[in-house]
Amino acid sequence: MLPFFAVIHVLLSVALIGLVLMHSGRDAGLGGMGFTPASQGGTHIVERNLTRVTAVVAILFFVNTIVLFRLLK
């Protein structure tokens, strides 16, 4: 069971790093790379969805970390 969760942990960490790097800081991220049109007001729908996906992956990473801690105890 431990190797399964360890592999999942690596995959989640790579996904989380990629998702965080895709976020825009100041006209960078998805909007700066040309994936989304520039929005005049507020955050574009793709940026909001990216934030939601990042939050879900972060929660899964956190839960997987706790599971690994319990398995190693």
N, C-alpha and C. Protein backbone atom coordinates (compact mmCIF):
# COMPACT_ATOMS: atom_id res chain seq x y z
N MET A 1 0.82 -1.19 0.00
CA MET A 1 0.00 0.00 0.00
C MET A 1 0.87 1.27 0.00
N LEU A 2 1.98 1.20 0.69
CA LEU A 2 2.87 2.35 0.78
C LEU A 2 3.43 2.77 -0.58
N PRO A 3 3.90 1.82 -1.42
CA PRO A 3 4.41 2.25 -2.74
C PRO A 3 3.34 2.94 -3.59
N PHE A 4 2.10 2.50 -3.49
CA PHE A 4 1.02 3.12 -4.25
C PHE A 4 0.87 4.60 -3.87
N PHE A 5 0.80 4.86 -2.57
CA PHE A 5 0.63 6.24 -2.12
C PHE A 5 1.88 7.08 -2.38
N ALA A 6 3.05 6.45 -2.38
CA ALA A 6 4.28 7.18 -2.69
C ALA A 6 4.29 7.64 -4.15
N VAL A 7 3.84 6.77 -5.06
CA VAL A 7 3.78 7.13 -6.47
C VAL A 7 2.74 8.23 -6.68
N ILE A 8 1.59 8.10 -6.03
CA ILE A 8 0.55 9.12 -6.11
C ILE A 8 1.09 10.46 -5.59
N HIS A 9 1.88 10.41 -4.54
CA HIS A 9 2.44 11.63 -3.96
C HIS A 9 3.37 12.33 -4.95
N VAL A 10 4.19 11.57 -5.64
CA VAL A 10 5.09 12.15 -6.64
C VAL A 10 4.28 12.77 -7.78
N LEU A 11 3.27 12.06 -8.25
CA LEU A 11 2.44 12.59 -9.34
C LEU A 11 1.70 13.86 -8.92
N LEU A 12 1.18 13.86 -7.70
CA LEU A 12 0.48 15.06 -7.22
C LEU A 12 1.44 16.23 -7.05
N SER A 13 2.66 15.95 -6.60
CA SER A 13 3.61 17.05 -6.43
C SER A 13 4.01 17.66 -7.77
N VAL A 14 4.21 16.82 -8.78
CA VAL A 14 4.55 17.32 -10.11
C VAL A 14 3.38 18.13 -10.67
N ALA A 15 2.16 17.63 -10.50
CA ALA A 15 0.97 18.34 -10.98
C ALA A 15 0.81 19.68 -10.26
N LEU A 16 1.06 19.69 -8.96
CA LEU A 16 0.91 20.93 -8.19
C LEU A 16 1.95 21.95 -8.60
N ILE A 17 3.16 21.52 -8.83
CA ILE A 17 4.21 22.45 -9.29
C ILE A 17 3.82 23.04 -10.65
N GLY A 18 3.36 22.20 -11.56
CA GLY A 18 2.96 22.68 -12.88
C GLY A 18 1.80 23.65 -12.81
N LEU A 19 0.81 23.35 -11.97
CA LEU A 19 -0.35 24.23 -11.85
C LEU A 19 0.02 25.57 -11.24
N VAL A 20 0.88 25.56 -10.25
CA VAL A 20 1.29 26.82 -9.62
C VAL A 20 2.08 27.67 -10.61
N LEU A 21 2.92 27.04 -11.41
CA LEU A 21 3.70 27.79 -12.39
C LEU A 21 2.83 28.37 -13.50
N MET A 22 1.66 27.78 -13.76
CA MET A 22 0.78 28.30 -14.79
C MET A 22 -0.03 29.51 -14.33
N HIS A 23 -0.08 29.76 -13.02
CA HIS A 23 -0.82 30.92 -12.51
C HIS A 23 -0.12 32.20 -12.92
N SER A 24 -0.94 33.23 -13.08
CA SER A 24 -0.37 34.52 -13.48
C SER A 24 0.01 35.33 -12.26
N GLY A 25 1.17 35.91 -12.32
CA GLY A 25 1.60 36.80 -11.26
C GLY A 25 1.30 38.23 -11.66
N ARG A 26 1.92 38.66 -12.74
CA ARG A 26 1.69 39.99 -13.28
C ARG A 26 1.77 39.87 -14.80
N ASP A 27 0.63 39.69 -15.43
CA ASP A 27 0.54 39.50 -16.88
C ASP A 27 1.40 38.34 -17.37
N ALA A 28 1.51 37.31 -16.56
CA ALA A 28 2.23 36.11 -16.97
C ALA A 28 1.25 34.95 -16.86
N GLY A 29 1.74 33.78 -16.70
CA GLY A 29 0.87 32.62 -16.54
C GLY A 29 0.14 32.30 -17.83
N LEU A 30 -1.07 31.81 -17.72
CA LEU A 30 -1.83 31.42 -18.91
C LEU A 30 -2.13 32.60 -19.81
N GLY A 31 -2.48 33.74 -19.22
CA GLY A 31 -2.78 34.92 -20.02
C GLY A 31 -1.56 35.43 -20.76
N GLY A 32 -0.41 35.40 -20.12
CA GLY A 32 0.81 35.87 -20.74
C GLY A 32 1.35 34.94 -21.81
N MET A 33 1.00 33.65 -21.69
CA MET A 33 1.48 32.67 -22.68
C MET A 33 0.59 32.64 -23.91
N GLY A 34 -0.51 33.36 -23.90
CA GLY A 34 -1.36 33.43 -25.06
C GLY A 34 -2.45 32.37 -25.10
N PHE A 35 -2.67 31.66 -24.01
CA PHE A 35 -3.70 30.63 -23.99
C PHE A 35 -5.09 31.23 -23.81
N THR A 36 -5.17 32.38 -23.19
CA THR A 36 -6.48 32.99 -22.95
C THR A 36 -6.48 34.41 -23.47
N PRO A 37 -7.61 34.89 -23.93
CA PRO A 37 -7.68 36.30 -24.34
C PRO A 37 -7.62 37.20 -23.11
N ALA A 38 -7.09 38.38 -23.32
CA ALA A 38 -7.00 39.33 -22.21
C ALA A 38 -8.40 39.78 -21.81
N SER A 39 -8.68 39.72 -20.54
CA SER A 39 -10.01 40.13 -20.07
C SER A 39 -9.94 41.55 -19.55
N GLN A 40 -11.00 42.29 -19.79
CA GLN A 40 -11.03 43.69 -19.37
C GLN A 40 -11.32 43.82 -17.89
N GLY A 41 -12.22 43.01 -17.38
CA GLY A 41 -12.59 43.14 -15.98
C GLY A 41 -12.48 41.82 -15.25
N GLY A 42 -11.81 41.84 -14.12
CA GLY A 42 -11.75 40.65 -13.27
C GLY A 42 -10.94 39.52 -13.87
N THR A 43 -11.12 38.36 -13.29
CA THR A 43 -10.37 37.18 -13.69
C THR A 43 -11.14 36.43 -14.75
N HIS A 44 -10.43 35.97 -15.74
CA HIS A 44 -11.05 35.21 -16.82
C HIS A 44 -11.49 33.85 -16.30
N ILE A 45 -12.45 33.23 -16.95
CA ILE A 45 -13.02 31.96 -16.51
C ILE A 45 -11.96 30.86 -16.45
N VAL A 46 -11.02 30.89 -17.36
CA VAL A 46 -9.97 29.87 -17.37
C VAL A 46 -9.07 30.02 -16.16
N GLU A 47 -8.77 31.25 -15.78
CA GLU A 47 -7.95 31.49 -14.60
C GLU A 47 -8.68 31.03 -13.33
N ARG A 48 -9.99 31.27 -13.27
CA ARG A 48 -10.76 30.81 -12.11
C ARG A 48 -10.79 29.29 -12.03
N ASN A 49 -10.96 28.64 -13.18
CA ASN A 49 -10.95 27.18 -13.19
C ASN A 49 -9.58 26.64 -12.83
N LEU A 50 -8.52 27.32 -13.28
CA LEU A 50 -7.17 26.91 -12.92
C LEU A 50 -6.97 27.02 -11.41
N THR A 51 -7.51 28.05 -10.81
CA THR A 51 -7.42 28.21 -9.36
C THR A 51 -8.16 27.08 -8.65
N ARG A 52 -9.32 26.72 -9.15
CA ARG A 52 -10.09 25.63 -8.54
C ARG A 52 -9.36 24.30 -8.65
N VAL A 53 -8.81 24.03 -9.83
CA VAL A 53 -8.07 22.76 -10.02
C VAL A 53 -6.85 22.73 -9.12
N THR A 54 -6.16 23.86 -8.99
CA THR A 54 -4.99 23.93 -8.13
C THR A 54 -5.37 23.67 -6.68
N ALA A 55 -6.48 24.21 -6.25
CA ALA A 55 -6.94 24.00 -4.87
C ALA A 55 -7.28 22.53 -4.63
N VAL A 56 -7.93 21.89 -5.58
CA VAL A 56 -8.27 20.48 -5.43
C VAL A 56 -7.01 19.62 -5.37
N VAL A 57 -6.06 19.89 -6.24
CA VAL A 57 -4.81 19.11 -6.24
C VAL A 57 -4.05 19.36 -4.94
N ALA A 58 -4.07 20.59 -4.44
CA ALA A 58 -3.39 20.89 -3.17
C ALA A 58 -4.03 20.15 -2.01
N ILE A 59 -5.35 20.07 -2.00
CA ILE A 59 -6.05 19.33 -0.94
C ILE A 59 -5.72 17.84 -1.04
N LEU A 60 -5.71 17.29 -2.25
CA LEU A 60 -5.35 15.88 -2.43
C LEU A 60 -3.91 15.62 -1.99
N PHE A 61 -3.01 16.55 -2.28
CA PHE A 61 -1.62 16.43 -1.85
C PHE A 61 -1.53 16.41 -0.33
N PHE A 62 -2.28 17.30 0.31
CA PHE A 62 -2.29 17.38 1.77
C PHE A 62 -2.82 16.08 2.39
N VAL A 63 -3.93 15.58 1.86
CA VAL A 63 -4.51 14.34 2.38
C VAL A 63 -3.56 13.17 2.15
N ASN A 64 -2.93 13.12 0.99
CA ASN A 64 -1.99 12.04 0.69
C ASN A 64 -0.78 12.11 1.62
N THR A 65 -0.34 13.30 1.97
CA THR A 65 0.77 13.46 2.92
C THR A 65 0.40 12.88 4.28
N ILE A 66 -0.82 13.15 4.74
CA ILE A 66 -1.27 12.61 6.02
C ILE A 66 -1.35 11.09 5.96
N VAL A 67 -1.87 10.55 4.85
CA VAL A 67 -1.96 9.10 4.70
C VAL A 67 -0.57 8.47 4.73
N LEU A 68 0.37 9.07 4.03
CA LEU A 68 1.74 8.54 4.04
C LEU A 68 2.34 8.61 5.44
N PHE A 69 2.08 9.68 6.15
CA PHE A 69 2.57 9.81 7.53
C PHE A 69 2.01 8.69 8.40
N ARG A 70 0.73 8.43 8.26
CA ARG A 70 0.10 7.36 9.05
C ARG A 70 0.64 5.99 8.68
N LEU A 71 0.92 5.77 7.40
CA LEU A 71 1.46 4.47 6.98
C LEU A 71 2.89 4.25 7.44
N LEU A 72 3.66 5.32 7.54
CA LEU A 72 5.04 5.20 7.98
C LEU A 72 5.20 5.14 9.50
N LYS A 73 4.15 5.47 10.21
CA LYS A 73 4.20 5.49 11.66
C LYS A 73 4.25 4.11 12.24
